Amino acid sequence: YIQNGLDEKHPGKRKALADVLWIMKAAKRLELRVETTSKHALNV
C-alpha cells in the first residue's frame, strides 16, 4: 500500500525518494500487488 503521490512529492531527503522508487521497481519485478491509497487509510 502506497500513499497517493508518494513517488512525486515525498517530503524526505533525496535518499528517501530513491528508496521509494527502488521499492516500486522491486514490487513490479516481484509481481507484487500495489494499491495506492490515502494517508488516512494507511494511518488506520
ModelCIF file with pLDDT and N, C-alpha, C, O atoms, coordinates in Angstrom:
data_MODEL
#
_entry.id   MODEL 
#
_entity.id                         1 
_entity.type                       polymer 
_entity.pdbx_number_of_molecules   1 
#
_entity_poly.entity_id                      1 
_entity_poly.type                           'polypeptide(L)' 
_entity_poly.nstd_linkage                   no 
_entity_poly.nstd_monomer                   no 
_entity_poly.pdbx_seq_one_letter_code       YIQNGLDEKHPGKRKALADVLWIMKAAKRLELRVETTSKHALNV 
_entity_poly.pdbx_seq_one_letter_code_can   YIQNGLDEKHPGKRKALADVLWIMKAAKRLELRVETTSKHALNV 
_entity_poly.pdbx_strand_id                 A 
#
loop_
_entity_poly_seq.entity_id 
_entity_poly_seq.num 
_entity_poly_seq.mon_id 
_entity_poly_seq.hetero 
1 1  TYR n 
1 2  ILE n 
1 3  GLN n 
1 4  ASN n 
1 5  GLY n 
1 6  LEU n 
1 7  ASP n 
1 8  GLU n 
1 9  LYS n 
1 10 HIS n 
1 11 PRO n 
1 12 GLY n 
1 13 LYS n 
1 14 ARG n 
1 15 LYS n 
1 16 ALA n 
1 17 LEU n 
1 18 ALA n 
1 19 ASP n 
1 20 VAL n 
1 21 LEU n 
1 22 TRP n 
1 23 ILE n 
1 24 MET n 
1 25 LYS n 
1 26 ALA n 
1 27 ALA n 
1 28 LYS n 
1 29 ARG n 
1 30 LEU n 
1 31 GLU n 
1 32 LEU n 
1 33 ARG n 
1 34 VAL n 
1 35 GLU n 
1 36 THR n 
1 37 THR n 
1 38 SER n 
1 39 LYS n 
1 40 HIS n 
1 41 ALA n 
1 42 LEU n 
1 43 ASN n 
1 44 VAL n 
#
_struct_asym.id          A 
_struct_asym.entity_id   1 
#
loop_
_ma_qa_metric.id 
_ma_qa_metric.mode 
_ma_qa_metric.name 
_ma_qa_metric.software_group_id 
_ma_qa_metric.type 
1 global pLDDT . pLDDT 
2 local  pLDDT . pLDDT 
#
_ma_qa_metric_global.metric_id      1 
_ma_qa_metric_global.metric_value   85.82 
_ma_qa_metric_global.model_id       1 
_ma_qa_metric_global.ordinal_id     1 
#
loop_
_ma_qa_metric_local.label_asym_id 
_ma_qa_metric_local.label_comp_id 
_ma_qa_metric_local.label_seq_id 
_ma_qa_metric_local.metric_id 
_ma_qa_metric_local.metric_value 
_ma_qa_metric_local.model_id 
_ma_qa_metric_local.ordinal_id 
A TYR 1  2 97.00 1 1  
A ILE 2  2 94.00 1 2  
A GLN 3  2 93.00 1 3  
A ASN 4  2 90.00 1 4  
A GLY 5  2 81.00 1 5  
A LEU 6  2 80.00 1 6  
A ASP 7  2 66.00 1 7  
A GLU 8  2 63.00 1 8  
A LYS 9  2 57.00 1 9  
A HIS 10 2 53.00 1 10 
A PRO 11 2 53.00 1 11 
A GLY 12 2 53.00 1 12 
A LYS 13 2 61.00 1 13 
A ARG 14 2 64.00 1 14 
A LYS 15 2 67.00 1 15 
A ALA 16 2 77.00 1 16 
A LEU 17 2 80.00 1 17 
A ALA 18 2 87.00 1 18 
A ASP 19 2 89.00 1 19 
A VAL 20 2 90.00 1 20 
A LEU 21 2 90.00 1 21 
A TRP 22 2 94.00 1 22 
A ILE 23 2 95.00 1 23 
A MET 24 2 93.00 1 24 
A LYS 25 2 95.00 1 25 
A ALA 26 2 96.00 1 26 
A ALA 27 2 96.00 1 27 
A LYS 28 2 95.00 1 28 
A ARG 29 2 96.00 1 29 
A LEU 30 2 96.00 1 30 
A GLU 31 2 96.00 1 31 
A LEU 32 2 97.00 1 32 
A ARG 33 2 97.00 1 33 
A VAL 34 2 96.00 1 34 
A GLU 35 2 96.00 1 35 
A THR 36 2 95.00 1 36 
A THR 37 2 95.00 1 37 
A SER 38 2 95.00 1 38 
A LYS 39 2 94.00 1 39 
A HIS 40 2 95.00 1 40 
A ALA 41 2 95.00 1 41 
A LEU 42 2 95.00 1 42 
A ASN 43 2 95.00 1 43 
A VAL 44 2 94.00 1 44 
#
loop_
_atom_site.group_PDB 
_atom_site.id 
_atom_site.type_symbol 
_atom_site.label_atom_id 
_atom_site.label_alt_id 
_atom_site.label_comp_id 
_atom_site.label_asym_id 
_atom_site.label_entity_id 
_atom_site.label_seq_id 
_atom_site.pdbx_PDB_ins_code 
_atom_site.Cartn_x 
_atom_site.Cartn_y 
_atom_site.Cartn_z 
_atom_site.occupancy 
_atom_site.B_iso_or_equiv 
_atom_site.pdbx_formal_charge 
_atom_site.auth_seq_id 
_atom_site.auth_comp_id 
_atom_site.auth_asym_id 
_atom_site.auth_atom_id 
_atom_site.pdbx_PDB_model_num 
ATOM 1   N N  . TYR A 1 1  ? 0.851  -1.187  0.000   1.00 97.00 ? 1  TYR A N  1 
ATOM 2   C CA . TYR A 1 1  ? 0.000  0.000   0.000   1.00 97.00 ? 1  TYR A CA 1 
ATOM 3   C C  . TYR A 1 1  ? 0.893  1.246   0.000   1.00 97.00 ? 1  TYR A C  1 
ATOM 4   O O  . TYR A 1 1  ? 1.774  1.393   0.847   1.00 97.00 ? 1  TYR A O  1 
ATOM 5   N N  . ILE A 1 2  ? 0.649  2.134   -0.961  1.00 94.00 ? 2  ILE A N  1 
ATOM 6   C CA . ILE A 1 2  ? 1.456  3.336   -1.107  1.00 94.00 ? 2  ILE A CA 1 
ATOM 7   C C  . ILE A 1 2  ? 0.546  4.559   -1.086  1.00 94.00 ? 2  ILE A C  1 
ATOM 8   O O  . ILE A 1 2  ? -0.510 4.577   -1.719  1.00 94.00 ? 2  ILE A O  1 
ATOM 9   N N  . GLN A 1 3  ? 0.966  5.565   -0.360  1.00 93.00 ? 3  GLN A N  1 
ATOM 10  C CA . GLN A 1 3  ? 0.197  6.803   -0.278  1.00 93.00 ? 3  GLN A CA 1 
ATOM 11  C C  . GLN A 1 3  ? 0.169  7.509   -1.631  1.00 93.00 ? 3  GLN A C  1 
ATOM 12  O O  . GLN A 1 3  ? 1.171  7.528   -2.345  1.00 93.00 ? 3  GLN A O  1 
ATOM 13  N N  . ASN A 1 4  ? -0.950 8.073   -1.972  1.00 90.00 ? 4  ASN A N  1 
ATOM 14  C CA . ASN A 1 4  ? -1.105 8.778   -3.242  1.00 90.00 ? 4  ASN A CA 1 
ATOM 15  C C  . ASN A 1 4  ? -0.015 9.819   -3.443  1.00 90.00 ? 4  ASN A C  1 
ATOM 16  O O  . ASN A 1 4  ? 0.206  10.665  -2.576  1.00 90.00 ? 4  ASN A O  1 
ATOM 17  N N  . GLY A 1 5  ? 0.677  9.762   -4.599  1.00 81.00 ? 5  GLY A N  1 
ATOM 18  C CA . GLY A 1 5  ? 1.668  10.766  -4.948  1.00 81.00 ? 5  GLY A CA 1 
ATOM 19  C C  . GLY A 1 5  ? 2.977  10.651  -4.205  1.00 81.00 ? 5  GLY A C  1 
ATOM 20  O O  . GLY A 1 5  ? 3.789  11.574  -4.261  1.00 81.00 ? 5  GLY A O  1 
ATOM 21  N N  . LEU A 1 6  ? 3.213  9.559   -3.516  1.00 80.00 ? 6  LEU A N  1 
ATOM 22  C CA . LEU A 1 6  ? 4.426  9.436   -2.706  1.00 80.00 ? 6  LEU A CA 1 
ATOM 23  C C  . LEU A 1 6  ? 5.686  9.532   -3.561  1.00 80.00 ? 6  LEU A C  1 
ATOM 24  O O  . LEU A 1 6  ? 6.684  10.111  -3.132  1.00 80.00 ? 6  LEU A O  1 
ATOM 25  N N  . ASP A 1 7  ? 5.646  8.965   -4.772  1.00 66.00 ? 7  ASP A N  1 
ATOM 26  C CA . ASP A 1 7  ? 6.837  8.973   -5.618  1.00 66.00 ? 7  ASP A CA 1 
ATOM 27  C C  . ASP A 1 7  ? 7.113  10.332  -6.235  1.00 66.00 ? 7  ASP A C  1 
ATOM 28  O O  . ASP A 1 7  ? 8.177  10.549  -6.815  1.00 66.00 ? 7  ASP A O  1 
ATOM 29  N N  . GLU A 1 8  ? 6.154  11.254  -6.113  1.00 63.00 ? 8  GLU A N  1 
ATOM 30  C CA . GLU A 1 8  ? 6.328  12.572  -6.718  1.00 63.00 ? 8  GLU A CA 1 
ATOM 31  C C  . GLU A 1 8  ? 6.654  13.658  -5.703  1.00 63.00 ? 8  GLU A C  1 
ATOM 32  O O  . GLU A 1 8  ? 7.376  14.605  -6.013  1.00 63.00 ? 8  GLU A O  1 
ATOM 33  N N  . LYS A 1 9  ? 6.129  13.525  -4.504  1.00 57.00 ? 9  LYS A N  1 
ATOM 34  C CA . LYS A 1 9  ? 6.256  14.619  -3.534  1.00 57.00 ? 9  LYS A CA 1 
ATOM 35  C C  . LYS A 1 9  ? 6.676  14.117  -2.157  1.00 57.00 ? 9  LYS A C  1 
ATOM 36  O O  . LYS A 1 9  ? 6.232  14.647  -1.138  1.00 57.00 ? 9  LYS A O  1 
ATOM 37  N N  . HIS A 1 10 ? 7.524  13.104  -2.126  1.00 53.00 ? 10 HIS A N  1 
ATOM 38  C CA . HIS A 1 10 ? 7.958  12.600  -0.825  1.00 53.00 ? 10 HIS A CA 1 
ATOM 39  C C  . HIS A 1 10 ? 8.688  13.710  -0.067  1.00 53.00 ? 10 HIS A C  1 
ATOM 40  O O  . HIS A 1 10 ? 9.615  14.320  -0.599  1.00 53.00 ? 10 HIS A O  1 
ATOM 41  N N  . PRO A 1 11 ? 8.270  13.972  1.181   1.00 53.00 ? 11 PRO A N  1 
ATOM 42  C CA . PRO A 1 11 ? 8.835  15.104  1.918   1.00 53.00 ? 11 PRO A CA 1 
ATOM 43  C C  . PRO A 1 11 ? 10.236 14.857  2.479   1.00 53.00 ? 11 PRO A C  1 
ATOM 44  O O  . PRO A 1 11 ? 10.857 15.770  3.024   1.00 53.00 ? 11 PRO A O  1 
ATOM 45  N N  . GLY A 1 12 ? 10.726 13.646  2.348   1.00 53.00 ? 12 GLY A N  1 
ATOM 46  C CA . GLY A 1 12 ? 12.018 13.337  2.932   1.00 53.00 ? 12 GLY A CA 1 
ATOM 47  C C  . GLY A 1 12 ? 13.176 13.765  2.056   1.00 53.00 ? 12 GLY A C  1 
ATOM 48  O O  . GLY A 1 12 ? 13.002 14.513  1.095   1.00 53.00 ? 12 GLY A O  1 
ATOM 49  N N  . LYS A 1 13 ? 14.360 13.283  2.396   1.00 61.00 ? 13 LYS A N  1 
ATOM 50  C CA . LYS A 1 13 ? 15.558 13.643  1.672   1.00 61.00 ? 13 LYS A CA 1 
ATOM 51  C C  . LYS A 1 13 ? 15.648 12.850  0.368   1.00 61.00 ? 13 LYS A C  1 
ATOM 52  O O  . LYS A 1 13 ? 14.803 12.004  0.075   1.00 61.00 ? 13 LYS A O  1 
ATOM 53  N N  . ARG A 1 14 ? 16.690 13.145  -0.404  1.00 64.00 ? 14 ARG A N  1 
ATOM 54  C CA . ARG A 1 14 ? 16.850 12.513  -1.711  1.00 64.00 ? 14 ARG A CA 1 
ATOM 55  C C  . ARG A 1 14 ? 16.927 10.987  -1.593  1.00 64.00 ? 14 ARG A C  1 
ATOM 56  O O  . ARG A 1 14 ? 16.373 10.266  -2.423  1.00 64.00 ? 14 ARG A O  1 
ATOM 57  N N  . LYS A 1 15 ? 17.615 10.505  -0.561  1.00 67.00 ? 15 LYS A N  1 
ATOM 58  C CA . LYS A 1 15 ? 17.742 9.055   -0.394  1.00 67.00 ? 15 LYS A CA 1 
ATOM 59  C C  . LYS A 1 15 ? 16.384 8.408   -0.172  1.00 67.00 ? 15 LYS A C  1 
ATOM 60  O O  . LYS A 1 15 ? 16.123 7.324   -0.694  1.00 67.00 ? 15 LYS A O  1 
ATOM 61  N N  . ALA A 1 16 ? 15.514 9.059   0.597   1.00 77.00 ? 16 ALA A N  1 
ATOM 62  C CA . ALA A 1 16 ? 14.181 8.507   0.845   1.00 77.00 ? 16 ALA A CA 1 
ATOM 63  C C  . ALA A 1 16 ? 13.414 8.363   -0.458  1.00 77.00 ? 16 ALA A C  1 
ATOM 64  O O  . ALA A 1 16 ? 12.749 7.351   -0.679  1.00 77.00 ? 16 ALA A O  1 
ATOM 65  N N  . LEU A 1 17 ? 13.500 9.368   -1.324  1.00 80.00 ? 17 LEU A N  1 
ATOM 66  C CA . LEU A 1 17 ? 12.819 9.290   -2.611  1.00 80.00 ? 17 LEU A CA 1 
ATOM 67  C C  . LEU A 1 17 ? 13.414 8.175   -3.459  1.00 80.00 ? 17 LEU A C  1 
ATOM 68  O O  . LEU A 1 17 ? 12.687 7.439   -4.125  1.00 80.00 ? 17 LEU A O  1 
ATOM 69  N N  . ALA A 1 18 ? 14.734 8.054   -3.432  1.00 87.00 ? 18 ALA A N  1 
ATOM 70  C CA . ALA A 1 18 ? 15.383 6.978   -4.184  1.00 87.00 ? 18 ALA A CA 1 
ATOM 71  C C  . ALA A 1 18 ? 14.925 5.614   -3.679  1.00 87.00 ? 18 ALA A C  1 
ATOM 72  O O  . ALA A 1 18 ? 14.722 4.694   -4.471  1.00 87.00 ? 18 ALA A O  1 
ATOM 73  N N  . ASP A 1 19 ? 14.762 5.479   -2.349  1.00 89.00 ? 19 ASP A N  1 
ATOM 74  C CA . ASP A 1 19 ? 14.287 4.216   -1.787  1.00 89.00 ? 19 ASP A CA 1 
ATOM 75  C C  . ASP A 1 19 ? 12.856 3.925   -2.223  1.00 89.00 ? 19 ASP A C  1 
ATOM 76  O O  . ASP A 1 19 ? 12.516 2.781   -2.527  1.00 89.00 ? 19 ASP A O  1 
ATOM 77  N N  . VAL A 1 20 ? 12.023 4.954   -2.254  1.00 90.00 ? 20 VAL A N  1 
ATOM 78  C CA . VAL A 1 20 ? 10.640 4.773   -2.706  1.00 90.00 ? 20 VAL A CA 1 
ATOM 79  C C  . VAL A 1 20 ? 10.616 4.258   -4.144  1.00 90.00 ? 20 VAL A C  1 
ATOM 80  O O  . VAL A 1 20 ? 9.880  3.322   -4.455  1.00 90.00 ? 20 VAL A O  1 
ATOM 81  N N  . LEU A 1 21 ? 11.411 4.859   -5.012  1.00 90.00 ? 21 LEU A N  1 
ATOM 82  C CA . LEU A 1 21 ? 11.455 4.434   -6.408  1.00 90.00 ? 21 LEU A CA 1 
ATOM 83  C C  . LEU A 1 21 ? 11.998 3.009   -6.528  1.00 90.00 ? 21 LEU A C  1 
ATOM 84  O O  . LEU A 1 21 ? 11.523 2.225   -7.350  1.00 90.00 ? 21 LEU A O  1 
ATOM 85  N N  . TRP A 1 22 ? 13.010 2.675   -5.690  1.00 94.00 ? 22 TRP A N  1 
ATOM 86  C CA . TRP A 1 22 ? 13.551 1.314   -5.703  1.00 94.00 ? 22 TRP A CA 1 
ATOM 87  C C  . TRP A 1 22 ? 12.475 0.313   -5.306  1.00 94.00 ? 22 TRP A C  1 
ATOM 88  O O  . TRP A 1 22 ? 12.348 -0.741  -5.929  1.00 94.00 ? 22 TRP A O  1 
ATOM 89  N N  . ILE A 1 23 ? 11.701 0.633   -4.278  1.00 95.00 ? 23 ILE A N  1 
ATOM 90  C CA . ILE A 1 23 ? 10.649 -0.260  -3.798  1.00 95.00 ? 23 ILE A CA 1 
ATOM 91  C C  . ILE A 1 23 ? 9.601  -0.481  -4.877  1.00 95.00 ? 23 ILE A C  1 
ATOM 92  O O  . ILE A 1 23 ? 9.140  -1.605  -5.077  1.00 95.00 ? 23 ILE A O  1 
ATOM 93  N N  . MET A 1 24 ? 9.221  0.584   -5.570  1.00 93.00 ? 24 MET A N  1 
ATOM 94  C CA . MET A 1 24 ? 8.190  0.457   -6.602  1.00 93.00 ? 24 MET A CA 1 
ATOM 95  C C  . MET A 1 24 ? 8.682  -0.413  -7.764  1.00 93.00 ? 24 MET A C  1 
ATOM 96  O O  . MET A 1 24 ? 7.924  -1.210  -8.318  1.00 93.00 ? 24 MET A O  1 
ATOM 97  N N  . LYS A 1 25 ? 9.956  -0.250  -8.125  1.00 95.00 ? 25 LYS A N  1 
ATOM 98  C CA . LYS A 1 25 ? 10.513 -1.094  -9.188  1.00 95.00 ? 25 LYS A CA 1 
ATOM 99  C C  . LYS A 1 25 ? 10.611 -2.552  -8.741  1.00 95.00 ? 25 LYS A C  1 
ATOM 100 O O  . LYS A 1 25 ? 10.322 -3.468  -9.510  1.00 95.00 ? 25 LYS A O  1 
ATOM 101 N N  . ALA A 1 26 ? 11.026 -2.756  -7.474  1.00 96.00 ? 26 ALA A N  1 
ATOM 102 C CA . ALA A 1 26 ? 11.123 -4.118  -6.953  1.00 96.00 ? 26 ALA A CA 1 
ATOM 103 C C  . ALA A 1 26 ? 9.757  -4.782  -6.896  1.00 96.00 ? 26 ALA A C  1 
ATOM 104 O O  . ALA A 1 26 ? 9.626  -5.964  -7.216  1.00 96.00 ? 26 ALA A O  1 
ATOM 105 N N  . ALA A 1 27 ? 8.739  -4.030  -6.493  1.00 96.00 ? 27 ALA A N  1 
ATOM 106 C CA . ALA A 1 27 ? 7.380  -4.583  -6.435  1.00 96.00 ? 27 ALA A CA 1 
ATOM 107 C C  . ALA A 1 27 ? 6.914  -5.024  -7.826  1.00 96.00 ? 27 ALA A C  1 
ATOM 108 O O  . ALA A 1 27 ? 6.266  -6.061  -7.966  1.00 96.00 ? 27 ALA A O  1 
ATOM 109 N N  . LYS A 1 28 ? 7.241  -4.247  -8.836  1.00 95.00 ? 28 LYS A N  1 
ATOM 110 C CA . LYS A 1 28 ? 6.873  -4.605  -10.208 1.00 95.00 ? 28 LYS A CA 1 
ATOM 111 C C  . LYS A 1 28 ? 7.612  -5.860  -10.648 1.00 95.00 ? 28 LYS A C  1 
ATOM 112 O O  . LYS A 1 28 ? 7.034  -6.746  -11.277 1.00 95.00 ? 28 LYS A O  1 
ATOM 113 N N  . ARG A 1 29 ? 8.904  -5.926  -10.310 1.00 96.00 ? 29 ARG A N  1 
ATOM 114 C CA . ARG A 1 29 ? 9.707  -7.087  -10.694 1.00 96.00 ? 29 ARG A CA 1 
ATOM 115 C C  . ARG A 1 29 ? 9.206  -8.358  -10.004 1.00 96.00 ? 29 ARG A C  1 
ATOM 116 O O  . ARG A 1 29 ? 9.222  -9.439  -10.593 1.00 96.00 ? 29 ARG A O  1 
ATOM 117 N N  . LEU A 1 30 ? 8.764  -8.221  -8.760  1.00 96.00 ? 30 LEU A N  1 
ATOM 118 C CA . LEU A 1 30 ? 8.276  -9.370  -7.995  1.00 96.00 ? 30 LEU A CA 1 
ATOM 119 C C  . LEU A 1 30 ? 6.801  -9.666  -8.260  1.00 96.00 ? 30 LEU A C  1 
ATOM 120 O O  . LEU A 1 30 ? 6.230  -10.594 -7.686  1.00 96.00 ? 30 LEU A O  1 
ATOM 121 N N  . GLU A 1 31 ? 6.200  -8.871  -9.130  1.00 96.00 ? 31 GLU A N  1 
ATOM 122 C CA . GLU A 1 31 ? 4.771  -9.009  -9.450  1.00 96.00 ? 31 GLU A CA 1 
ATOM 123 C C  . GLU A 1 31 ? 3.921  -8.914  -8.190  1.00 96.00 ? 31 GLU A C  1 
ATOM 124 O O  . GLU A 1 31 ? 2.938  -9.637  -8.029  1.00 96.00 ? 31 GLU A O  1 
ATOM 125 N N  . LEU A 1 32 ? 4.319  -8.009  -7.304  1.00 97.00 ? 32 LEU A N  1 
ATOM 126 C CA . LEU A 1 32 ? 3.596  -7.765  -6.060  1.00 97.00 ? 32 LEU A CA 1 
ATOM 127 C C  . LEU A 1 32 ? 2.447  -6.800  -6.320  1.00 97.00 ? 32 LEU A C  1 
ATOM 128 O O  . LEU A 1 32 ? 2.623  -5.766  -6.965  1.00 97.00 ? 32 LEU A O  1 
ATOM 129 N N  . ARG A 1 33 ? 1.309  -7.138  -5.827  1.00 97.00 ? 33 ARG A N  1 
ATOM 130 C CA . ARG A 1 33 ? 0.145  -6.262  -5.982  1.00 97.00 ? 33 ARG A CA 1 
ATOM 131 C C  . ARG A 1 33 ? 0.379  -4.948  -5.252  1.00 97.00 ? 33 ARG A C  1 
ATOM 132 O O  . ARG A 1 33 ? 0.753  -4.945  -4.079  1.00 97.00 ? 33 ARG A O  1 
ATOM 133 N N  . VAL A 1 34 ? 0.160  -3.826  -5.942  1.00 96.00 ? 34 VAL A N  1 
ATOM 134 C CA . VAL A 1 34 ? 0.371  -2.491  -5.385  1.00 96.00 ? 34 VAL A CA 1 
ATOM 135 C C  . VAL A 1 34 ? -0.940 -1.718  -5.434  1.00 96.00 ? 34 VAL A C  1 
ATOM 136 O O  . VAL A 1 34 ? -1.606 -1.680  -6.469  1.00 96.00 ? 34 VAL A O  1 
ATOM 137 N N  . GLU A 1 35 ? -1.305 -1.108  -4.324  1.00 96.00 ? 35 GLU A N  1 
ATOM 138 C CA . GLU A 1 35 ? -2.504 -0.284  -4.267  1.00 96.00 ? 35 GLU A CA 1 
ATOM 139 C C  . GLU A 1 35 ? -2.143 1.092   -3.718  1.00 96.00 ? 35 GLU A C  1 
ATOM 140 O O  . GLU A 1 35 ? -1.482 1.200   -2.686  1.00 96.00 ? 35 GLU A O  1 
ATOM 141 N N  . THR A 1 36 ? -2.576 2.132   -4.405  1.00 95.00 ? 36 THR A N  1 
ATOM 142 C CA . THR A 1 36 ? -2.403 3.488   -3.891  1.00 95.00 ? 36 THR A CA 1 
ATOM 143 C C  . THR A 1 36 ? -3.631 3.854   -3.064  1.00 95.00 ? 36 THR A C  1 
ATOM 144 O O  . THR A 1 36 ? -4.759 3.497   -3.404  1.00 95.00 ? 36 THR A O  1 
ATOM 145 N N  . THR A 1 37 ? -3.388 4.568   -1.980  1.00 95.00 ? 37 THR A N  1 
ATOM 146 C CA . THR A 1 37 ? -4.478 4.896   -1.076  1.00 95.00 ? 37 THR A CA 1 
ATOM 147 C C  . THR A 1 37 ? -4.161 6.193   -0.349  1.00 95.00 ? 37 THR A C  1 
ATOM 148 O O  . THR A 1 37 ? -3.117 6.800   -0.587  1.00 95.00 ? 37 THR A O  1 
ATOM 149 N N  . SER A 1 38 ? -5.038 6.613   0.519   1.00 95.00 ? 38 SER A N  1 
ATOM 150 C CA . SER A 1 38 ? -4.865 7.883   1.234   1.00 95.00 ? 38 SER A CA 1 
ATOM 151 C C  . SER A 1 38 ? -4.012 7.698   2.481   1.00 95.00 ? 38 SER A C  1 
ATOM 152 O O  . SER A 1 38 ? -3.837 6.586   2.980   1.00 95.00 ? 38 SER A O  1 
ATOM 153 N N  . LYS A 1 39 ? -3.489 8.808   2.966   1.00 94.00 ? 39 LYS A N  1 
ATOM 154 C CA . LYS A 1 39 ? -2.727 8.779   4.211   1.00 94.00 ? 39 LYS A CA 1 
ATOM 155 C C  . LYS A 1 39 ? -3.605 8.305   5.355   1.00 94.00 ? 39 LYS A C  1 
ATOM 156 O O  . LYS A 1 39 ? -3.140 7.576   6.231   1.00 94.00 ? 39 LYS A O  1 
ATOM 157 N N  . HIS A 1 40 ? -4.860 8.707   5.360   1.00 95.00 ? 40 HIS A N  1 
ATOM 158 C CA . HIS A 1 40 ? -5.780 8.300   6.429   1.00 95.00 ? 40 HIS A CA 1 
ATOM 159 C C  . HIS A 1 40 ? -5.949 6.783   6.444   1.00 95.00 ? 40 HIS A C  1 
ATOM 160 O O  . HIS A 1 40 ? -5.945 6.170   7.512   1.00 95.00 ? 40 HIS A O  1 
ATOM 161 N N  . ALA A 1 41 ? -6.098 6.174   5.269   1.00 95.00 ? 41 ALA A N  1 
ATOM 162 C CA . ALA A 1 41 ? -6.268 4.719   5.208   1.00 95.00 ? 41 ALA A CA 1 
ATOM 163 C C  . ALA A 1 41 ? -5.035 4.006   5.747   1.00 95.00 ? 41 ALA A C  1 
ATOM 164 O O  . ALA A 1 41 ? -5.153 2.989   6.430   1.00 95.00 ? 41 ALA A O  1 
ATOM 165 N N  . LEU A 1 42 ? -3.851 4.534   5.443   1.00 95.00 ? 42 LEU A N  1 
ATOM 166 C CA . LEU A 1 42 ? -2.618 3.940   5.966   1.00 95.00 ? 42 LEU A CA 1 
ATOM 167 C C  . LEU A 1 42 ? -2.529 4.118   7.475   1.00 95.00 ? 42 LEU A C  1 
ATOM 168 O O  . LEU A 1 42 ? -2.082 3.217   8.184   1.00 95.00 ? 42 LEU A O  1 
ATOM 169 N N  . ASN A 1 43 ? -2.957 5.286   7.970   1.00 95.00 ? 43 ASN A N  1 
ATOM 170 C CA . ASN A 1 43 ? -2.972 5.518   9.416   1.00 95.00 ? 43 ASN A CA 1 
ATOM 171 C C  . ASN A 1 43 ? -3.821 4.469   10.127  1.00 95.00 ? 43 ASN A C  1 
ATOM 172 O O  . ASN A 1 43 ? -3.455 3.979   11.195  1.00 95.00 ? 43 ASN A O  1 
ATOM 173 N N  . VAL A 1 44 ? -4.960 4.131   9.523   1.00 94.00 ? 44 VAL A N  1 
ATOM 174 C CA . VAL A 1 44 ? -5.854 3.131   10.112  1.00 94.00 ? 44 VAL A CA 1 
ATOM 175 C C  . VAL A 1 44 ? -5.186 1.756   10.131  1.00 94.00 ? 44 VAL A C  1 
ATOM 176 O O  . VAL A 1 44 ? -5.786 0.785   10.591  1.00 94.00 ? 44 VAL A O  1 
#
